[in-house]
């Protein structure tokens, strides 16, 4: 084997994991970036302030891993993860959250994420979670399993089911904007659809969820991780 071939193979073997980091808080992004960039095998190569920016950034930058805050304006991390997972060869994804919340956890997995990391312990868990995701392994923050199992067994005892997503991706988008207080015309403009289509989506959402008004929709959107409480 030639020296050039050996060098190329060594370079590939030691190439750092390229990461896209998305969070709407600049200070949080800065802190998370410091944690990741301090590791020789991890490198933040792009940043985004919301889910839509993250999806757009992937058209410009090739990455191995996307780290998404769950709750962001315009497009949440969950919505972005669903979009990203539909790509032909999607990168691995991790969700960051302030909330120790069962529904967020399951929604993150269904959206295609490899793991769920609490911001409160990101300095302890995030590096390990990134490495696990790149290896194709799932990561759940320490202590979560006990909580999830207890909650799950308690729900079974009460005869309840683990929540499931019943809305389409477009209905999720409409619901998020309704919960944020956007008018029908504003939603139509932001999603490039007609006001009549917005009203139809709103009616479908209310019917599917068995709800009657914006207040109930807002509460549901908070529980589903579409908007911050």
C-alpha atoms as a PDB file:
ATOM      1  CA  UNK A   1       0.000   0.000   0.000  1.00  0.00           C
ATOM      2  CA  UNK A   2       1.325   3.414  -0.930  1.00  0.00           C
ATOM      3  CA  UNK A   3       1.968   6.149   1.623  1.00  0.00           C
ATOM      4  CA  UNK A   4      -0.774   8.295   0.044  1.00  0.00           C
ATOM      5  CA  UNK A   5      -3.322   5.495   0.425  1.00  0.00           C
ATOM      6  CA  UNK A   6      -2.347   4.979   4.067  1.00  0.00           C
ATOM      7  CA  UNK A   7      -2.703   8.712   4.730  1.00  0.00           C
ATOM      8  CA  UNK A   8      -6.140   8.883   3.083  1.00  0.00           C
ATOM      9  CA  UNK A   9      -7.408   5.898   5.076  1.00  0.00           C
ATOM     10  CA  UNK A  10      -6.084   7.344   8.331  1.00  0.00           C
ATOM     11  CA  UNK A  11      -7.709  10.709   7.587  1.00  0.00           C
ATOM     12  CA  UNK A  12     -11.089   9.073   6.945  1.00  0.00           C
ATOM     13  CA  UNK A  13     -10.813   6.960  10.068  1.00  0.00           C
ATOM     14  CA  UNK A  14     -10.148   9.986  12.248  1.00  0.00           C
ATOM     15  CA  UNK A  15     -12.509  12.470  10.566  1.00  0.00           C
ATOM     16  CA  UNK A  16     -14.601  14.291  13.140  1.00  0.00           C
ATOM     17  CA  UNK A  17     -18.375  13.827  13.169  1.00  0.00           C
ATOM     18  CA  UNK A  18     -19.857  16.862  11.388  1.00  0.00           C
ATOM     19  CA  UNK A  19     -22.756  18.344  13.368  1.00  0.00           C
ATOM     20  CA  UNK A  20     -25.580  20.781  12.597  1.00  0.00           C
ATOM     21  CA  UNK A  21     -26.822  22.443  15.799  1.00  0.00           C
ATOM     22  CA  UNK A  22     -30.309  24.005  15.911  1.00  0.00           C
ATOM     23  CA  UNK A  23     -31.647  26.023  18.854  1.00  0.00           C
ATOM     24  CA  UNK A  24     -33.477  29.351  18.891  1.00  0.00           C
ATOM     25  CA  UNK A  25     -31.478  30.651  21.871  1.00  0.00           C
ATOM     26  CA  UNK A  26     -28.068  31.992  20.849  1.00  0.00           C
ATOM     27  CA  UNK A  27     -26.564  31.524  24.313  1.00  0.00           C
ATOM     28  CA  UNK A  28     -27.710  27.888  24.434  1.00  0.00           C
ATOM     29  CA  UNK A  29     -26.213  27.238  21.002  1.00  0.00           C
ATOM     30  CA  UNK A  30     -22.956  28.827  22.108  1.00  0.00           C
ATOM     31  CA  UNK A  31     -22.778  26.688  25.253  1.00  0.00           C
ATOM     32  CA  UNK A  32     -23.636  23.460  23.444  1.00  0.00           C
ATOM     33  CA  UNK A  33     -21.122  24.260  20.719  1.00  0.00           C
ATOM     34  CA  UNK A  34     -18.373  24.739  23.311  1.00  0.00           C
ATOM     35  CA  UNK A  35     -19.158  21.301  24.749  1.00  0.00           C
ATOM     36  CA  UNK A  36     -19.094  19.582  21.358  1.00  0.00           C
ATOM     37  CA  UNK A  37     -16.154  21.420  19.798  1.00  0.00           C
ATOM     38  CA  UNK A  38     -14.012  20.552  22.826  1.00  0.00           C
ATOM     39  CA  UNK A  39     -14.067  16.910  21.687  1.00  0.00           C
ATOM     40  CA  UNK A  40     -11.557  15.876  18.986  1.00  0.00           C
ATOM     41  CA  UNK A  41     -14.078  13.590  17.245  1.00  0.00           C
ATOM     42  CA  UNK A  42     -16.959  16.101  17.135  1.00  0.00           C
ATOM     43  CA  UNK A  43     -17.225  19.329  15.127  1.00  0.00           C
ATOM     44  CA  UNK A  44     -20.131  21.773  14.785  1.00  0.00           C
ATOM     45  CA  UNK A  45     -20.039  22.860  11.130  1.00  0.00           C
ATOM     46  CA  UNK A  46     -23.403  24.665  10.900  1.00  0.00           C
ATOM     47  CA  UNK A  47     -25.971  26.342  13.166  1.00  0.00           C
ATOM     48  CA  UNK A  48     -29.663  27.168  12.812  1.00  0.00           C
ATOM     49  CA  UNK A  49     -32.090  29.287  14.823  1.00  0.00           C
ATOM     50  CA  UNK A  50     -35.172  27.154  14.147  1.00  0.00           C
ATOM     51  CA  UNK A  51     -36.295  23.979  12.433  1.00  0.00           C
ATOM     52  CA  UNK A  52     -36.882  25.590   9.054  1.00  0.00           C
ATOM     53  CA  UNK A  53     -33.328  26.986   9.030  1.00  0.00           C
ATOM     54  CA  UNK A  54     -31.997  23.536   9.960  1.00  0.00           C
ATOM     55  CA  UNK A  55     -33.819  21.860   7.061  1.00  0.00           C
ATOM     56  CA  UNK A  56     -32.569  24.573   4.687  1.00  0.00           C
ATOM     57  CA  UNK A  57     -28.992  24.301   6.003  1.00  0.00           C
ATOM     58  CA  UNK A  58     -28.879  20.612   5.116  1.00  0.00           C
ATOM     59  CA  UNK A  59     -29.280  21.547   1.454  1.00  0.00           C
ATOM     60  CA  UNK A  60     -26.027  23.516   1.704  1.00  0.00           C
ATOM     61  CA  UNK A  61     -23.956  21.531   4.204  1.00  0.00           C
ATOM     62  CA  UNK A  62     -23.267  17.807   4.481  1.00  0.00           C
ATOM     63  CA  UNK A  63     -23.424  16.610   8.086  1.00  0.00           C
ATOM     64  CA  UNK A  64     -23.386  13.310   9.962  1.00  0.00           C
ATOM     65  CA  UNK A  65     -25.560  14.384  12.878  1.00  0.00           C
ATOM     66  CA  UNK A  66     -28.252  16.996  13.564  1.00  0.00           C
ATOM     67  CA  UNK A  67     -28.884  18.162  17.137  1.00  0.00           C
ATOM     68  CA  UNK A  68     -32.329  19.792  17.394  1.00  0.00           C
ATOM     69  CA  UNK A  69     -34.012  21.666  20.210  1.00  0.00           C
ATOM     70  CA  UNK A  70     -37.529  20.222  20.524  1.00  0.00           C
ATOM     71  CA  UNK A  71     -39.406  23.530  20.876  1.00  0.00           C
ATOM     72  CA  UNK A  72     -38.453  26.278  18.403  1.00  0.00           C
ATOM     73  CA  UNK A  73     -40.457  28.983  16.588  1.00  0.00           C
ATOM     74  CA  UNK A  74     -41.656  28.659  12.990  1.00  0.00           C
ATOM     75  CA  UNK A  75     -40.804  24.936  12.796  1.00  0.00           C
ATOM     76  CA  UNK A  76     -40.174  22.822  15.908  1.00  0.00           C
ATOM     77  CA  UNK A  77     -37.384  20.308  16.255  1.00  0.00           C
ATOM     78  CA  UNK A  78     -39.942  17.503  15.992  1.00  0.00           C
ATOM     79  CA  UNK A  79     -41.337  18.896  12.731  1.00  0.00           C
ATOM     80  CA  UNK A  80     -37.827  19.389  11.365  1.00  0.00           C
ATOM     81  CA  UNK A  81     -36.880  15.825  12.331  1.00  0.00           C
ATOM     82  CA  UNK A  82     -39.861  14.484  10.377  1.00  0.00           C
ATOM     83  CA  UNK A  83     -38.803  16.533   7.340  1.00  0.00           C
ATOM     84  CA  UNK A  84     -35.177  15.437   7.626  1.00  0.00           C
ATOM     85  CA  UNK A  85     -36.062  11.762   8.064  1.00  0.00           C
ATOM     86  CA  UNK A  86     -37.796  11.836   4.667  1.00  0.00           C
ATOM     87  CA  UNK A  87     -34.524  12.648   2.895  1.00  0.00           C
ATOM     88  CA  UNK A  88     -32.977   9.826   0.814  1.00  0.00           C
ATOM     89  CA  UNK A  89     -29.985   9.444   3.165  1.00  0.00           C
ATOM     90  CA  UNK A  90     -30.834  11.371   6.336  1.00  0.00           C
ATOM     91  CA  UNK A  91     -28.183  12.158   8.945  1.00  0.00           C
ATOM     92  CA  UNK A  92     -28.559  10.856  12.479  1.00  0.00           C
ATOM     93  CA  UNK A  93     -30.613  13.093  14.786  1.00  0.00           C
ATOM     94  CA  UNK A  94     -30.680  13.904  18.500  1.00  0.00           C
ATOM     95  CA  UNK A  95     -33.296  15.964  20.334  1.00  0.00           C
ATOM     96  CA  UNK A  96     -32.447  18.484  23.053  1.00  0.00           C
ATOM     97  CA  UNK A  97     -35.148  19.466  25.535  1.00  0.00           C
ATOM     98  CA  UNK A  98     -35.742  21.322  28.776  1.00  0.00           C
ATOM     99  CA  UNK A  99     -38.620  18.951  29.527  1.00  0.00           C
ATOM    100  CA  UNK A 100     -38.510  15.539  31.204  1.00  0.00           C
ATOM    101  CA  UNK A 101     -41.648  14.575  29.310  1.00  0.00           C
ATOM    102  CA  UNK A 102     -42.809  11.142  28.186  1.00  0.00           C
ATOM    103  CA  UNK A 103     -44.763  12.338  25.175  1.00  0.00           C
ATOM    104  CA  UNK A 104     -41.842  14.423  23.885  1.00  0.00           C
ATOM    105  CA  UNK A 105     -39.628  11.346  24.211  1.00  0.00           C
ATOM    106  CA  UNK A 106     -41.920   9.077  22.201  1.00  0.00           C
ATOM    107  CA  UNK A 107     -42.600  11.781  19.606  1.00  0.00           C
ATOM    108  CA  UNK A 108     -38.840  12.257  19.167  1.00  0.00           C
ATOM    109  CA  UNK A 109     -38.327   8.546  18.495  1.00  0.00           C
ATOM    110  CA  UNK A 110     -41.264   8.431  16.062  1.00  0.00           C
ATOM    111  CA  UNK A 111     -39.822  11.458  14.254  1.00  0.00           C
ATOM    112  CA  UNK A 112     -36.613   9.519  13.601  1.00  0.00           C
ATOM    113  CA  UNK A 113     -34.334  10.750  16.397  1.00  0.00           C
ATOM    114  CA  UNK A 114     -31.752   8.404  17.915  1.00  0.00           C
ATOM    115  CA  UNK A 115     -31.967   9.937  21.356  1.00  0.00           C
ATOM    116  CA  UNK A 116     -33.331  12.537  23.740  1.00  0.00           C
ATOM    117  CA  UNK A 117     -31.037  14.653  25.920  1.00  0.00           C
ATOM    118  CA  UNK A 118     -32.085  17.016  28.704  1.00  0.00           C
ATOM    119  CA  UNK A 119     -30.498  20.461  28.492  1.00  0.00           C
ATOM    120  CA  UNK A 120     -30.017  20.481  32.260  1.00  0.00           C
ATOM    121  CA  UNK A 121     -27.466  17.663  31.961  1.00  0.00           C
ATOM    122  CA  UNK A 122     -26.187  18.309  28.436  1.00  0.00           C
ATOM    123  CA  UNK A 123     -22.674  18.883  29.740  1.00  0.00           C
ATOM    124  CA  UNK A 124     -22.703  15.300  31.093  1.00  0.00           C
ATOM    125  CA  UNK A 125     -24.745  13.411  28.485  1.00  0.00           C
ATOM    126  CA  UNK A 126     -24.589  15.153  25.116  1.00  0.00           C
ATOM    127  CA  UNK A 127     -21.137  13.998  24.005  1.00  0.00           C
ATOM    128  CA  UNK A 128     -21.960  10.364  24.788  1.00  0.00           C
ATOM    129  CA  UNK A 129     -25.334  10.720  23.068  1.00  0.00           C
ATOM    130  CA  UNK A 130     -23.690  12.084  19.904  1.00  0.00           C
ATOM    131  CA  UNK A 131     -21.226   9.203  19.773  1.00  0.00           C
ATOM    132  CA  UNK A 132     -24.002   6.660  20.381  1.00  0.00           C
ATOM    133  CA  UNK A 133     -26.148   8.152  17.608  1.00  0.00           C
ATOM    134  CA  UNK A 134     -23.284   8.040  15.105  1.00  0.00           C
ATOM    135  CA  UNK A 135     -22.725   4.370  15.994  1.00  0.00           C
ATOM    136  CA  UNK A 136     -26.382   3.725  15.203  1.00  0.00           C
ATOM    137  CA  UNK A 137     -27.367   3.242  18.836  1.00  0.00           C
ATOM    138  CA  UNK A 138     -30.255   4.793  20.746  1.00  0.00           C
ATOM    139  CA  UNK A 139     -29.566   7.103  23.683  1.00  0.00           C
ATOM    140  CA  UNK A 140     -31.916   7.861  26.557  1.00  0.00           C
ATOM    141  CA  UNK A 141     -30.647  10.063  29.363  1.00  0.00           C
ATOM    142  CA  UNK A 142     -29.851   8.224  32.613  1.00  0.00           C
ATOM    143  CA  UNK A 143     -32.855   7.895  34.884  1.00  0.00           C
ATOM    144  CA  UNK A 144     -35.379   8.282  32.082  1.00  0.00           C
ATOM    145  CA  UNK A 145     -36.045   4.578  31.682  1.00  0.00           C
ATOM    146  CA  UNK A 146     -37.217   4.181  35.265  1.00  0.00           C
ATOM    147  CA  UNK A 147     -39.542   7.148  34.921  1.00  0.00           C
ATOM    148  CA  UNK A 148     -40.877   5.973  31.553  1.00  0.00           C
ATOM    149  CA  UNK A 149     -41.500   2.438  32.774  1.00  0.00           C
ATOM    150  CA  UNK A 150     -43.268   3.665  35.930  1.00  0.00           C
ATOM    151  CA  UNK A 151     -45.435   6.055  33.911  1.00  0.00           C
ATOM    152  CA  UNK A 152     -46.198   3.374  31.338  1.00  0.00           C
ATOM    153  CA  UNK A 153     -47.211   0.803  33.970  1.00  0.00           C
ATOM    154  CA  UNK A 154     -49.345   3.382  35.760  1.00  0.00           C
ATOM    155  CA  UNK A 155     -51.147   4.184  32.498  1.00  0.00           C
ATOM    156  CA  UNK A 156     -51.736   0.496  31.855  1.00  0.00           C
ATOM    157  CA  UNK A 157     -53.130   0.129  35.371  1.00  0.00           C
ATOM    158  CA  UNK A 158     -55.553   2.987  34.670  1.00  0.00           C
ATOM    159  CA  UNK A 159     -56.484   1.471  31.303  1.00  0.00           C
ATOM    160  CA  UNK A 160     -54.894   4.332  29.304  1.00  0.00           C
ATOM    161  CA  UNK A 161     -52.767   4.156  26.173  1.00  0.00           C
ATOM    162  CA  UNK A 162     -49.460   5.803  25.314  1.00  0.00           C
ATOM    163  CA  UNK A 163     -50.328   8.896  23.228  1.00  0.00           C
ATOM    164  CA  UNK A 164     -50.069   8.500  19.479  1.00  0.00           C
ATOM    165  CA  UNK A 165     -49.736  11.123  16.780  1.00  0.00           C
ATOM    166  CA  UNK A 166     -52.985  11.419  14.871  1.00  0.00           C
ATOM    167  CA  UNK A 167     -52.303  14.573  12.857  1.00  0.00           C
ATOM    168  CA  UNK A 168     -50.589  14.882   9.493  1.00  0.00           C
ATOM    169  CA  UNK A 169     -47.391  16.939   9.144  1.00  0.00           C
ATOM    170  CA  UNK A 170     -49.374  19.835   7.582  1.00  0.00           C
ATOM    171  CA  UNK A 171     -51.955  19.713  10.387  1.00  0.00           C
ATOM    172  CA  UNK A 172     -49.072  19.864  12.898  1.00  0.00           C
ATOM    173  CA  UNK A 173     -47.847  23.034  11.182  1.00  0.00           C
ATOM    174  CA  UNK A 174     -51.310  24.622  11.256  1.00  0.00           C
ATOM    175  CA  UNK A 175     -51.843  23.613  14.889  1.00  0.00           C
ATOM    176  CA  UNK A 176     -48.520  25.148  15.952  1.00  0.00           C
ATOM    177  CA  UNK A 177     -49.368  28.471  14.306  1.00  0.00           C
ATOM    178  CA  UNK A 178     -52.918  28.486  15.722  1.00  0.00           C
ATOM    179  CA  UNK A 179     -51.507  27.856  19.201  1.00  0.00           C
ATOM    180  CA  UNK A 180     -49.047  30.733  18.705  1.00  0.00           C
ATOM    181  CA  UNK A 181     -51.977  33.072  17.998  1.00  0.00           C
ATOM    182  CA  UNK A 182     -51.609  33.453  14.225  1.00  0.00           C
ATOM    183  CA  UNK A 183     -54.729  34.431  12.292  1.00  0.00           C
ATOM    184  CA  UNK A 184     -56.125  32.402   9.394  1.00  0.00           C
ATOM    185  CA  UNK A 185     -54.675  34.875   6.884  1.00  0.00           C
ATOM    186  CA  UNK A 186     -51.251  34.837   8.581  1.00  0.00           C
ATOM    187  CA  UNK A 187     -51.190  31.026   8.561  1.00  0.00           C
ATOM    188  CA  UNK A 188     -52.192  30.977   4.892  1.00  0.00           C
ATOM    189  CA  UNK A 189     -49.359  33.380   4.030  1.00  0.00           C
ATOM    190  CA  UNK A 190     -46.725  31.530   6.077  1.00  0.00           C
ATOM    191  CA  UNK A 191     -47.631  28.099   4.661  1.00  0.00           C
ATOM    192  CA  UNK A 192     -48.416  29.362   1.132  1.00  0.00           C
ATOM    193  CA  UNK A 193     -51.939  27.928   1.143  1.00  0.00           C
ATOM    194  CA  UNK A 194     -55.383  29.514   0.853  1.00  0.00           C
ATOM    195  CA  UNK A 195     -57.346  30.749   3.901  1.00  0.00           C
ATOM    196  CA  UNK A 196     -60.053  28.231   2.987  1.00  0.00           C
ATOM    197  CA  UNK A 197     -57.485  25.404   3.184  1.00  0.00           C
ATOM    198  CA  UNK A 198     -56.366  26.675   6.603  1.00  0.00           C
ATOM    199  CA  UNK A 199     -59.975  26.575   7.831  1.00  0.00           C
ATOM    200  CA  UNK A 200     -60.369  23.022   6.514  1.00  0.00           C
ATOM    201  CA  UNK A 201     -57.191  21.936   8.312  1.00  0.00           C
ATOM    202  CA  UNK A 202     -58.383  23.611  11.515  1.00  0.00           C
ATOM    203  CA  UNK A 203     -61.748  21.793  11.298  1.00  0.00           C
ATOM    204  CA  UNK A 204     -59.996  18.457  10.694  1.00  0.00           C
ATOM    205  CA  UNK A 205     -57.684  19.042  13.681  1.00  0.00           C
ATOM    206  CA  UNK A 206     -60.596  19.840  16.001  1.00  0.00           C
ATOM    207  CA  UNK A 207     -62.495  16.783  14.786  1.00  0.00           C
ATOM    208  CA  UNK A 208     -59.536  14.404  15.119  1.00  0.00           C
ATOM    209  CA  UNK A 209     -58.633  15.613  18.599  1.00  0.00           C
ATOM    210  CA  UNK A 210     -62.228  15.910  19.810  1.00  0.00           C
ATOM    211  CA  UNK A 211     -61.718  19.564  20.766  1.00  0.00           C
ATOM    212  CA  UNK A 212     -63.800  22.711  20.400  1.00  0.00           C
ATOM    213  CA  UNK A 213     -61.639  25.839  20.579  1.00  0.00           C
ATOM    214  CA  UNK A 214     -58.195  27.470  20.387  1.00  0.00           C
ATOM    215  CA  UNK A 215     -57.579  27.136  24.134  1.00  0.00           C
ATOM    216  CA  UNK A 216     -57.878  23.353  23.992  1.00  0.00           C
ATOM    217  CA  UNK A 217     -55.714  23.259  20.873  1.00  0.00           C
ATOM    218  CA  UNK A 218     -53.040  25.349  22.600  1.00  0.00           C
ATOM    219  CA  UNK A 219     -52.943  22.986  25.576  1.00  0.00           C
ATOM    220  CA  UNK A 220     -52.596  20.016  23.245  1.00  0.00           C
ATOM    221  CA  UNK A 221     -49.833  21.781  21.267  1.00  0.00           C
ATOM    222  CA  UNK A 222     -47.871  22.345  24.501  1.00  0.00           C
ATOM    223  CA  UNK A 223     -48.194  18.680  25.498  1.00  0.00           C
ATOM    224  CA  UNK A 224     -47.148  17.583  22.006  1.00  0.00           C
ATOM    225  CA  UNK A 225     -44.029  19.795  22.054  1.00  0.00           C
ATOM    226  CA  UNK A 226     -45.200  22.092  19.243  1.00  0.00           C
ATOM    227  CA  UNK A 227     -44.969  25.249  21.390  1.00  0.00           C
ATOM    228  CA  UNK A 228     -43.280  26.209  24.648  1.00  0.00           C
ATOM    229  CA  UNK A 229     -45.532  26.309  27.758  1.00  0.00           C
END
